[in-house]
Amino acid sequence: MMKRNLCFLLMVTAVLFSCSSDKEAMDTATNSILGTWDLTALQLDETTATDDMEMGQDLLNFLTAIDCHIVTLTFNEDLSFITENSVNYIQINVNSNGSGLDVPCPTEKDTDDSVYTYENGVLTFVDDNQETVSVEAAITGNMMVISAQELGVDNFDAGGDLVFTRR
């Protein structure tokens, strides 16, 4: 009887600890994505990059340098997800003195709310078309890299990787 109680106690303890560590691992993964992330770079393969892709990269570099973030992702603890996207409002103007181009930071943005999960390096969310999207999201410290094609951000979805930096 005593042996059976001891065995039962050991089994219950093992189950509790295994469930606890799984939950902790899932919580740690989810916590690594929490916060507000700004699109700060587009990494391209120089051998396959098109002129449009390189122009998009240059434009993003210019706007990031003036502290203008055209795509922002916010991941909350309650698994809600907010995207802010100003890409469709970018305007390229000729300087008044004709000396070059001016690209002001867009003041308008599209905002979408959704829900997400982040497990084993895969971000899954429901997009604005009510379709479930799953993309690999590699997070190292305060940097997250996602395939531009998989994420599908307008005008930045031809190829390469989108680099987001946590605020």
N, C-alpha and C. Protein backbone atom coordinates (compact mmCIF):
# COMPACT_ATOMS: atom_id res chain seq x y z
N MET A 1 0.83 -1.18 0.00
CA MET A 1 0.00 0.00 0.00
C MET A 1 0.88 1.25 0.00
N MET A 2 1.90 1.24 0.84
CA MET A 2 2.80 2.38 0.95
C MET A 2 3.56 2.59 -0.36
N LYS A 3 3.98 1.47 -1.01
CA LYS A 3 4.68 1.56 -2.28
C LYS A 3 3.77 2.17 -3.35
N ARG A 4 2.51 1.73 -3.37
CA ARG A 4 1.57 2.23 -4.36
C ARG A 4 1.34 3.73 -4.16
N ASN A 5 1.21 4.19 -2.92
CA ASN A 5 1.03 5.62 -2.64
C ASN A 5 2.26 6.42 -3.06
N LEU A 6 3.44 5.86 -2.81
CA LEU A 6 4.68 6.53 -3.19
C LEU A 6 4.78 6.63 -4.71
N CYS A 7 4.46 5.55 -5.41
CA CYS A 7 4.48 5.56 -6.87
C CYS A 7 3.47 6.58 -7.42
N PHE A 8 2.27 6.58 -6.85
CA PHE A 8 1.24 7.51 -7.27
C PHE A 8 1.71 8.96 -7.06
N LEU A 9 2.31 9.23 -5.91
CA LEU A 9 2.82 10.57 -5.61
C LEU A 9 3.90 10.98 -6.59
N LEU A 10 4.81 10.06 -6.95
CA LEU A 10 5.86 10.35 -7.91
C LEU A 10 5.29 10.63 -9.30
N MET A 11 4.28 9.85 -9.71
CA MET A 11 3.66 10.08 -11.02
C MET A 11 2.97 11.44 -11.08
N VAL A 12 2.23 11.78 -10.03
CA VAL A 12 1.54 13.07 -10.00
C VAL A 12 2.55 14.21 -10.04
N THR A 13 3.64 14.09 -9.28
CA THR A 13 4.67 15.11 -9.27
C THR A 13 5.31 15.26 -10.65
N ALA A 14 5.60 14.14 -11.31
CA ALA A 14 6.20 14.19 -12.65
C ALA A 14 5.27 14.88 -13.63
N VAL A 15 3.99 14.56 -13.59
CA VAL A 15 3.02 15.19 -14.49
C VAL A 15 2.94 16.69 -14.23
N LEU A 16 2.89 17.07 -12.97
CA LEU A 16 2.80 18.50 -12.65
C LEU A 16 4.01 19.26 -13.15
N PHE A 17 5.21 18.70 -12.93
CA PHE A 17 6.41 19.40 -13.37
C PHE A 17 6.52 19.44 -14.89
N SER A 18 6.11 18.38 -15.58
CA SER A 18 6.19 18.40 -17.04
C SER A 18 5.21 19.40 -17.62
N CYS A 19 4.02 19.51 -17.07
CA CYS A 19 3.04 20.49 -17.56
C CYS A 19 3.53 21.89 -17.27
N SER A 20 4.13 22.09 -16.12
CA SER A 20 4.62 23.40 -15.74
C SER A 20 5.72 23.86 -16.69
N SER A 21 6.66 22.98 -17.03
CA SER A 21 7.76 23.40 -17.90
C SER A 21 7.26 23.67 -19.32
N ASP A 22 6.27 22.89 -19.81
CA ASP A 22 5.71 23.17 -21.12
C ASP A 22 5.06 24.54 -21.15
N LYS A 23 4.30 24.85 -20.13
CA LYS A 23 3.63 26.15 -20.05
C LYS A 23 4.67 27.27 -19.97
N GLU A 24 5.72 27.04 -19.17
CA GLU A 24 6.78 28.05 -19.05
C GLU A 24 7.48 28.26 -20.39
N ALA A 25 7.74 27.18 -21.12
CA ALA A 25 8.39 27.32 -22.43
C ALA A 25 7.49 28.09 -23.39
N MET A 26 6.17 27.80 -23.38
CA MET A 26 5.24 28.52 -24.24
C MET A 26 5.15 29.98 -23.83
N ASP A 27 5.10 30.24 -22.50
CA ASP A 27 5.05 31.61 -22.02
C ASP A 27 6.31 32.38 -22.42
N THR A 28 7.47 31.73 -22.34
CA THR A 28 8.72 32.38 -22.71
C THR A 28 8.71 32.74 -24.19
N ALA A 29 8.25 31.83 -25.04
CA ALA A 29 8.18 32.12 -26.48
C ALA A 29 7.23 33.27 -26.75
N THR A 30 6.06 33.23 -26.14
CA THR A 30 5.09 34.31 -26.34
C THR A 30 5.65 35.63 -25.82
N ASN A 31 6.30 35.61 -24.67
CA ASN A 31 6.86 36.83 -24.10
C ASN A 31 7.95 37.43 -24.98
N SER A 32 8.66 36.60 -25.75
CA SER A 32 9.74 37.14 -26.57
C SER A 32 9.22 38.03 -27.69
N ILE A 33 7.95 37.92 -28.04
CA ILE A 33 7.39 38.72 -29.13
C ILE A 33 6.60 39.93 -28.61
N LEU A 34 6.34 39.97 -27.32
CA LEU A 34 5.54 41.07 -26.76
C LEU A 34 6.20 42.43 -27.01
N GLY A 35 5.37 43.43 -27.28
CA GLY A 35 5.87 44.78 -27.44
C GLY A 35 5.53 45.36 -28.80
N THR A 36 6.09 46.52 -29.07
CA THR A 36 5.87 47.23 -30.33
C THR A 36 7.12 47.14 -31.19
N TRP A 37 6.93 46.71 -32.41
CA TRP A 37 8.03 46.46 -33.35
C TRP A 37 7.86 47.37 -34.57
N ASP A 38 8.91 48.08 -34.93
CA ASP A 38 8.90 48.97 -36.09
C ASP A 38 9.70 48.36 -37.22
N LEU A 39 9.18 48.44 -38.45
CA LEU A 39 9.92 48.00 -39.62
C LEU A 39 11.09 48.96 -39.82
N THR A 40 12.31 48.44 -39.78
CA THR A 40 13.48 49.32 -39.86
C THR A 40 14.40 48.99 -41.03
N ALA A 41 14.23 47.83 -41.67
CA ALA A 41 15.12 47.49 -42.78
C ALA A 41 14.48 46.43 -43.67
N LEU A 42 14.93 46.41 -44.90
CA LEU A 42 14.58 45.37 -45.86
C LEU A 42 15.90 44.79 -46.35
N GLN A 43 16.13 43.52 -46.03
CA GLN A 43 17.36 42.85 -46.45
C GLN A 43 17.08 42.13 -47.76
N LEU A 44 17.89 42.42 -48.77
CA LEU A 44 17.69 41.83 -50.10
C LEU A 44 18.87 40.97 -50.49
N ASP A 45 18.61 39.99 -51.33
CA ASP A 45 19.66 39.23 -51.98
C ASP A 45 20.07 40.05 -53.19
N GLU A 46 21.26 40.60 -53.16
CA GLU A 46 21.70 41.52 -54.22
C GLU A 46 21.70 40.87 -55.60
N THR A 47 21.84 39.55 -55.66
CA THR A 47 21.89 38.90 -56.97
C THR A 47 20.50 38.75 -57.60
N THR A 48 19.45 38.75 -56.80
CA THR A 48 18.11 38.56 -57.35
C THR A 48 17.21 39.79 -57.17
N ALA A 49 17.71 40.81 -56.50
CA ALA A 49 16.89 42.01 -56.23
C ALA A 49 16.60 42.77 -57.52
N THR A 50 15.35 43.17 -57.66
CA THR A 50 14.95 43.97 -58.81
C THR A 50 15.17 45.45 -58.48
N ASP A 51 15.07 46.30 -59.49
CA ASP A 51 15.20 47.74 -59.27
C ASP A 51 14.12 48.24 -58.31
N ASP A 52 12.89 47.72 -58.46
CA ASP A 52 11.80 48.13 -57.56
C ASP A 52 12.10 47.73 -56.12
N MET A 53 12.66 46.53 -55.92
CA MET A 53 12.99 46.08 -54.58
C MET A 53 14.07 46.98 -53.97
N GLU A 54 15.08 47.31 -54.77
CA GLU A 54 16.16 48.18 -54.28
C GLU A 54 15.64 49.58 -53.98
N MET A 55 14.70 50.09 -54.80
CA MET A 55 14.10 51.39 -54.53
C MET A 55 13.31 51.34 -53.22
N GLY A 56 12.58 50.26 -52.99
CA GLY A 56 11.85 50.09 -51.74
C GLY A 56 12.78 50.05 -50.55
N GLN A 57 13.91 49.39 -50.71
CA GLN A 57 14.92 49.33 -49.65
C GLN A 57 15.48 50.72 -49.36
N ASP A 58 15.81 51.46 -50.42
CA ASP A 58 16.33 52.83 -50.25
C ASP A 58 15.31 53.73 -49.57
N LEU A 59 14.06 53.62 -50.00
CA LEU A 59 12.99 54.43 -49.43
C LEU A 59 12.81 54.12 -47.94
N LEU A 60 12.80 52.83 -47.59
CA LEU A 60 12.68 52.43 -46.20
C LEU A 60 13.87 52.93 -45.38
N ASN A 61 15.07 52.82 -45.93
CA ASN A 61 16.26 53.33 -45.22
C ASN A 61 16.16 54.83 -44.97
N PHE A 62 15.70 55.57 -45.98
CA PHE A 62 15.55 57.02 -45.83
C PHE A 62 14.55 57.36 -44.73
N LEU A 63 13.37 56.72 -44.78
CA LEU A 63 12.34 57.03 -43.79
C LEU A 63 12.75 56.60 -42.39
N THR A 64 13.41 55.47 -42.27
CA THR A 64 13.89 55.01 -40.96
C THR A 64 14.91 55.99 -40.40
N ALA A 65 15.76 56.53 -41.26
CA ALA A 65 16.79 57.48 -40.82
C ALA A 65 16.19 58.77 -40.25
N ILE A 66 14.97 59.13 -40.70
CA ILE A 66 14.32 60.33 -40.16
C ILE A 66 13.31 59.95 -39.07
N ASP A 67 13.47 58.74 -38.53
CA ASP A 67 12.63 58.22 -37.44
C ASP A 67 11.16 58.14 -37.84
N CYS A 68 10.92 57.72 -39.08
CA CYS A 68 9.57 57.53 -39.61
C CYS A 68 9.38 56.03 -39.80
N HIS A 69 8.43 55.47 -39.10
CA HIS A 69 8.18 54.03 -39.17
C HIS A 69 6.87 53.79 -39.89
N ILE A 70 6.96 53.17 -41.08
CA ILE A 70 5.78 53.03 -41.93
C ILE A 70 5.00 51.75 -41.65
N VAL A 71 5.60 50.79 -40.96
CA VAL A 71 4.88 49.59 -40.53
C VAL A 71 5.24 49.32 -39.08
N THR A 72 4.23 49.19 -38.25
CA THR A 72 4.43 48.91 -36.82
C THR A 72 3.52 47.75 -36.43
N LEU A 73 4.09 46.80 -35.71
CA LEU A 73 3.35 45.65 -35.20
C LEU A 73 3.39 45.70 -33.68
N THR A 74 2.24 45.56 -33.03
CA THR A 74 2.19 45.55 -31.56
C THR A 74 1.55 44.24 -31.11
N PHE A 75 2.30 43.50 -30.29
CA PHE A 75 1.84 42.23 -29.74
C PHE A 75 1.59 42.42 -28.25
N ASN A 76 0.36 42.15 -27.82
CA ASN A 76 -0.03 42.34 -26.42
C ASN A 76 -0.11 40.99 -25.70
N GLU A 77 -0.03 41.06 -24.36
CA GLU A 77 -0.09 39.85 -23.53
C GLU A 77 -1.38 39.07 -23.71
N ASP A 78 -2.49 39.77 -23.98
CA ASP A 78 -3.78 39.08 -24.14
C ASP A 78 -3.93 38.44 -25.52
N LEU A 79 -2.81 38.35 -26.27
CA LEU A 79 -2.73 37.77 -27.61
C LEU A 79 -3.45 38.60 -28.67
N SER A 80 -3.73 39.87 -28.35
CA SER A 80 -4.24 40.78 -29.38
C SER A 80 -3.05 41.35 -30.14
N PHE A 81 -3.30 41.73 -31.37
CA PHE A 81 -2.25 42.11 -32.31
C PHE A 81 -2.74 43.32 -33.10
N ILE A 82 -1.95 44.38 -33.14
CA ILE A 82 -2.33 45.61 -33.85
C ILE A 82 -1.27 45.91 -34.92
N THR A 83 -1.72 46.14 -36.14
CA THR A 83 -0.80 46.56 -37.19
C THR A 83 -1.15 47.99 -37.61
N GLU A 84 -0.12 48.78 -37.80
CA GLU A 84 -0.26 50.13 -38.35
C GLU A 84 0.59 50.19 -39.59
N ASN A 85 -0.02 50.56 -40.72
CA ASN A 85 0.66 50.51 -42.00
C ASN A 85 0.44 51.82 -42.76
N SER A 86 1.53 52.54 -43.03
CA SER A 86 1.46 53.81 -43.77
C SER A 86 1.98 53.68 -45.19
N VAL A 87 2.31 52.48 -45.63
CA VAL A 87 2.93 52.28 -46.94
C VAL A 87 2.10 52.88 -48.06
N ASN A 88 0.79 52.72 -48.01
CA ASN A 88 -0.07 53.23 -49.09
C ASN A 88 -0.17 54.75 -49.13
N TYR A 89 0.40 55.43 -48.14
CA TYR A 89 0.30 56.90 -48.06
C TYR A 89 1.64 57.59 -48.30
N ILE A 90 2.64 56.84 -48.72
CA ILE A 90 3.95 57.43 -49.03
C ILE A 90 3.82 58.28 -50.29
N GLN A 91 4.33 59.50 -50.23
CA GLN A 91 4.33 60.39 -51.39
C GLN A 91 5.76 60.82 -51.68
N ILE A 92 6.12 60.76 -52.93
CA ILE A 92 7.45 61.21 -53.34
C ILE A 92 7.25 62.49 -54.12
N ASN A 93 7.84 63.56 -53.61
CA ASN A 93 7.68 64.89 -54.21
C ASN A 93 9.01 65.41 -54.74
N VAL A 94 8.94 66.24 -55.77
CA VAL A 94 10.13 66.93 -56.26
C VAL A 94 10.32 68.17 -55.39
N ASN A 95 11.55 68.37 -54.90
CA ASN A 95 11.82 69.57 -54.09
C ASN A 95 11.44 70.83 -54.87
N SER A 96 11.01 71.85 -54.15
CA SER A 96 10.57 73.09 -54.78
C SER A 96 11.67 73.75 -55.59
N ASN A 97 12.93 73.55 -55.21
CA ASN A 97 14.03 74.16 -55.96
C ASN A 97 14.55 73.22 -57.06
N GLY A 98 13.90 72.06 -57.23
CA GLY A 98 14.27 71.13 -58.29
C GLY A 98 15.56 70.38 -58.03
N SER A 99 16.05 70.40 -56.80
CA SER A 99 17.35 69.78 -56.51
C SER A 99 17.28 68.31 -56.13
N GLY A 100 16.11 67.74 -56.13
CA GLY A 100 16.00 66.32 -55.78
C GLY A 100 14.59 65.97 -55.35
N LEU A 101 14.50 64.86 -54.68
CA LEU A 101 13.20 64.36 -54.24
C LEU A 101 13.05 64.53 -52.74
N ASP A 102 11.80 64.68 -52.32
CA ASP A 102 11.48 64.79 -50.91
C ASP A 102 10.43 63.72 -50.61
N VAL A 103 10.63 62.99 -49.51
CA VAL A 103 9.68 61.97 -49.09
C VAL A 103 9.30 62.26 -47.65
N PRO A 104 8.19 62.96 -47.45
CA PRO A 104 7.76 63.25 -46.08
C PRO A 104 7.21 61.99 -45.41
N CYS A 105 7.32 61.96 -44.10
CA CYS A 105 6.76 60.84 -43.33
C CYS A 105 5.24 60.89 -43.45
N PRO A 106 4.60 59.80 -43.86
CA PRO A 106 3.14 59.82 -43.99
C PRO A 106 2.47 60.08 -42.64
N THR A 107 1.41 60.86 -42.68
CA THR A 107 0.65 61.13 -41.46
C THR A 107 -0.56 60.22 -41.35
N GLU A 108 -0.96 59.60 -42.46
CA GLU A 108 -2.09 58.68 -42.44
C GLU A 108 -1.58 57.25 -42.32
N LYS A 109 -2.43 56.40 -41.73
CA LYS A 109 -2.08 54.98 -41.63
C LYS A 109 -3.34 54.15 -41.57
N ASP A 110 -3.20 52.90 -41.99
CA ASP A 110 -4.27 51.91 -41.85
C ASP A 110 -3.97 51.10 -40.60
N THR A 111 -4.99 50.89 -39.77
CA THR A 111 -4.82 50.14 -38.54
C THR A 111 -5.74 48.93 -38.55
N ASP A 112 -5.19 47.78 -38.22
CA ASP A 112 -5.98 46.54 -38.13
C ASP A 112 -5.72 45.89 -36.78
N ASP A 113 -6.78 45.29 -36.23
CA ASP A 113 -6.69 44.54 -34.98
C ASP A 113 -6.90 43.06 -35.30
N SER A 114 -6.20 42.21 -34.58
CA SER A 114 -6.35 40.78 -34.79
C SER A 114 -5.94 40.06 -33.52
N VAL A 115 -5.79 38.77 -33.62
CA VAL A 115 -5.26 37.94 -32.54
C VAL A 115 -4.09 37.16 -33.13
N TYR A 116 -3.21 36.66 -32.26
CA TYR A 116 -2.03 35.96 -32.75
C TYR A 116 -1.62 34.85 -31.78
N THR A 117 -0.78 33.97 -32.28
CA THR A 117 -0.03 33.03 -31.45
C THR A 117 1.40 33.07 -31.95
N TYR A 118 2.32 32.77 -31.06
CA TYR A 118 3.74 32.69 -31.45
C TYR A 118 4.33 31.50 -30.73
N GLU A 119 4.59 30.43 -31.49
CA GLU A 119 5.15 29.21 -30.93
C GLU A 119 6.18 28.64 -31.88
N ASN A 120 7.31 28.20 -31.30
CA ASN A 120 8.38 27.55 -32.07
C ASN A 120 8.82 28.38 -33.27
N GLY A 121 8.88 29.70 -33.10
CA GLY A 121 9.36 30.57 -34.16
C GLY A 121 8.34 30.85 -35.26
N VAL A 122 7.10 30.44 -35.06
CA VAL A 122 6.06 30.66 -36.07
C VAL A 122 5.00 31.60 -35.51
N LEU A 123 4.80 32.71 -36.21
CA LEU A 123 3.78 33.69 -35.87
C LEU A 123 2.54 33.37 -36.70
N THR A 124 1.40 33.20 -36.04
CA THR A 124 0.14 32.93 -36.73
C THR A 124 -0.86 33.99 -36.31
N PHE A 125 -1.54 34.57 -37.31
CA PHE A 125 -2.53 35.61 -37.03
C PHE A 125 -3.60 35.59 -38.11
N VAL A 126 -4.67 36.30 -37.86
CA VAL A 126 -5.76 36.43 -38.83
C VAL A 126 -5.59 37.80 -39.49
N ASP A 127 -5.47 37.82 -40.83
CA ASP A 127 -5.24 39.09 -41.53
C ASP A 127 -6.56 39.83 -41.77
N ASP A 128 -6.48 40.99 -42.43
CA ASP A 128 -7.66 41.81 -42.64
C ASP A 128 -8.66 41.20 -43.61
N ASN A 129 -8.26 40.12 -44.32
CA ASN A 129 -9.19 39.37 -45.19
C ASN A 129 -9.79 38.17 -44.47
N GLN A 130 -9.56 38.11 -43.15
CA GLN A 130 -10.05 37.02 -42.30
C GLN A 130 -9.43 35.67 -42.66
N GLU A 131 -8.22 35.71 -43.22
CA GLU A 131 -7.49 34.48 -43.53
C GLU A 131 -6.39 34.28 -42.49
N THR A 132 -6.16 33.03 -42.12
CA THR A 132 -5.10 32.73 -41.17
C THR A 132 -3.78 32.71 -41.90
N VAL A 133 -2.81 33.46 -41.36
CA VAL A 133 -1.48 33.56 -41.95
C VAL A 133 -0.48 33.03 -40.94
N SER A 134 0.42 32.18 -41.40
CA SER A 134 1.51 31.69 -40.56
C SER A 134 2.83 32.01 -41.24
N VAL A 135 3.72 32.68 -40.50
CA VAL A 135 5.03 33.05 -41.03
C VAL A 135 6.10 32.74 -39.99
N GLU A 136 7.29 32.41 -40.48
CA GLU A 136 8.41 32.25 -39.57
C GLU A 136 8.86 33.63 -39.13
N ALA A 137 9.03 33.79 -37.82
CA ALA A 137 9.47 35.06 -37.26
C ALA A 137 10.64 34.77 -36.33
N ALA A 138 11.84 35.03 -36.82
CA ALA A 138 13.04 34.76 -36.04
C ALA A 138 13.33 35.96 -35.14
N ILE A 139 13.32 35.73 -33.84
CA ILE A 139 13.56 36.81 -32.88
C ILE A 139 14.88 36.58 -32.17
N THR A 140 15.73 37.60 -32.22
CA THR A 140 16.99 37.60 -31.49
C THR A 140 17.05 38.93 -30.75
N GLY A 141 16.88 38.86 -29.43
CA GLY A 141 16.87 40.09 -28.63
C GLY A 141 15.74 41.01 -29.07
N ASN A 142 16.10 42.20 -29.52
CA ASN A 142 15.11 43.19 -29.96
C ASN A 142 15.00 43.29 -31.47
N MET A 143 15.38 42.22 -32.18
CA MET A 143 15.29 42.20 -33.63
C MET A 143 14.46 40.99 -34.07
N MET A 144 13.51 41.23 -34.97
CA MET A 144 12.67 40.17 -35.52
C MET A 144 12.77 40.22 -37.04
N VAL A 145 13.00 39.06 -37.66
CA VAL A 145 13.12 38.98 -39.12
C VAL A 145 12.02 38.08 -39.66
N ILE A 146 11.29 38.61 -40.65
CA ILE A 146 10.18 37.88 -41.28
C ILE A 146 10.34 38.00 -42.79
N SER A 147 10.05 36.94 -43.50
CA SER A 147 10.10 36.96 -44.96
C SER A 147 9.10 38.00 -45.48
N ALA A 148 9.56 38.87 -46.36
CA ALA A 148 8.69 39.91 -46.92
C ALA A 148 7.55 39.28 -47.72
N GLN A 149 7.84 38.23 -48.48
CA GLN A 149 6.79 37.60 -49.28
C GLN A 149 5.74 36.95 -48.39
N GLU A 150 6.18 36.28 -47.32
CA GLU A 150 5.23 35.61 -46.43
C GLU A 150 4.35 36.60 -45.70
N LEU A 151 4.91 37.74 -45.28
CA LEU A 151 4.12 38.71 -44.53
C LEU A 151 3.17 39.48 -45.45
N GLY A 152 3.60 39.76 -46.68
CA GLY A 152 2.71 40.36 -47.67
C GLY A 152 2.42 41.83 -47.48
N VAL A 153 3.38 42.61 -46.96
CA VAL A 153 3.17 44.06 -46.83
C VAL A 153 3.22 44.67 -48.22
N ASP A 154 2.19 45.43 -48.58
CA ASP A 154 2.13 46.05 -49.90
C ASP A 154 3.42 46.78 -50.22
N ASN A 155 3.89 46.62 -51.45
CA ASN A 155 5.08 47.26 -51.99
C ASN A 155 6.39 46.77 -51.37
N PHE A 156 6.33 45.88 -50.39
CA PHE A 156 7.53 45.31 -49.79
C PHE A 156 7.45 43.79 -49.80
N ASP A 157 6.64 43.23 -50.70
CA ASP A 157 6.41 41.79 -50.67
C ASP A 157 7.03 41.05 -51.86
N ALA A 158 7.90 41.70 -52.61
CA ALA A 158 8.50 41.05 -53.77
C ALA A 158 9.60 40.07 -53.37
N GLY A 159 10.23 40.27 -52.25
CA GLY A 159 11.28 39.37 -51.80
C GLY A 159 12.08 39.98 -50.69
N GLY A 160 13.02 39.21 -50.18
CA GLY A 160 13.88 39.67 -49.10
C GLY A 160 13.25 39.45 -47.74
N ASP A 161 13.92 39.97 -46.74
CA ASP A 161 13.46 39.84 -45.36
C ASP A 161 13.18 41.21 -44.76
N LEU A 162 12.07 41.29 -44.04
CA LEU A 162 11.72 42.50 -43.32
C LEU A 162 12.32 42.41 -41.92
N VAL A 163 13.01 43.46 -41.50
CA VAL A 163 13.63 43.49 -40.19
C VAL A 163 12.87 44.49 -39.32
N PHE A 164 12.38 43.99 -38.19
CA PHE A 164 11.65 44.82 -37.24
C PHE A 164 12.50 44.98 -35.98
N THR A 165 12.46 46.18 -35.40
CA THR A 165 13.18 46.46 -34.17
C THR A 165 12.17 46.82 -33.09
N ARG A 166 12.34 46.19 -31.92
CA ARG A 166 11.44 46.46 -30.80
C ARG A 166 11.78 47.81 -30.18
N ARG A 167 10.75 48.59 -29.89
CA ARG A 167 10.95 49.90 -29.25
C ARG A 167 11.43 49.72 -27.83
